[in-house]
Amino acid sequence: MLLRGAFFVVATGTAVAAQDGDYTYTTSGSPAVATITGYTGAGGAITIPSTLGGYATRFIGESAFSWCTSLTSVTIPSSVTSIGNRAFAACSSLTAINVDEGNANYASVNGVLYNKAMTALILCPSGKAGAFTIPNSVTSIGDYAFYDCASLTSVIIGSGVTSIGAGAFYGCTSLTSVIIGSGVTSIGDYAFYDCASLTSIGFLGLVAPTTVGANWILGTGAGIRCHAYAASNFPAPGGVFHGLTMGAVISAVPGER
């Protein structure tokens, strides 16, 4: 289960806790670098400093900014090489995570965080609203990538995506529909957990995902239905796919008129 609230994680090796302005951080390594472990500021739009206490900021620590509900946007400097798990979890007002173009490991498009190659979607900020289409270059959706995106209403997952991480859409309570492209072969545990408004999951592939995690649709509405092409190997309407009841078939095979 996802732990709520911020907690401090100390980097490997000798670490010293310190405070610089709004940031709590530790230092470690040789030469020493800084890992952000907490944020105490007022929120709004912030730019993470490239140095803290004179040390290069290399790591945003696990849950470092979690539950900063007044945070609206974050700019990540080029110095950062690693962002901890759930670093911005449950930041309900956060609509944009921006990355300095000089960063070698990360990129952002329209406020969403990706790896530099744009093949992995790492994090969609919790304040994102409305419909969202995942870029065609993306092959994987990270664990808890859309965690608590409570105003997200629909998602289209392109054919390039092969895996959906654990808890990827955990707590997307306004999400009503998801379209999953033909490339997905793996869906993680709790992928759509607590998506209480989700009524439709459409699969565009003719071959059903081979790996589907435990409790992947736990907490969704009783009327949720799965839709797939009649020519696919999904069960027929009324059948069950990993606990998800099949609804009406999608009427045409891709490429047919």
Foldseek 3Di string as FASTA:
>chain_A
DDDADFDFDADPADWDWDDAPQFIWIWHDVVIAIETRAGRDLAEEEEDDCHGPNHGYAEPEACHQGPSQRHAEYEYEQNYDYYYHCSHHPNQNHQAYQYDPNRQFWHDDRRWIDTPQLQEGAAGHLNDAEEEERDLNHAEYEACRNPNVCRYAEYEYEQNHAEYEACSNPNNQNHAEYEHEQRHQEYEHCPNAQNANHAEYEYLHLEHRPYYYHCNNHNYHPNHEYEEAPNHPDDDAQDDDNNHGHHYYDDDRPPDD
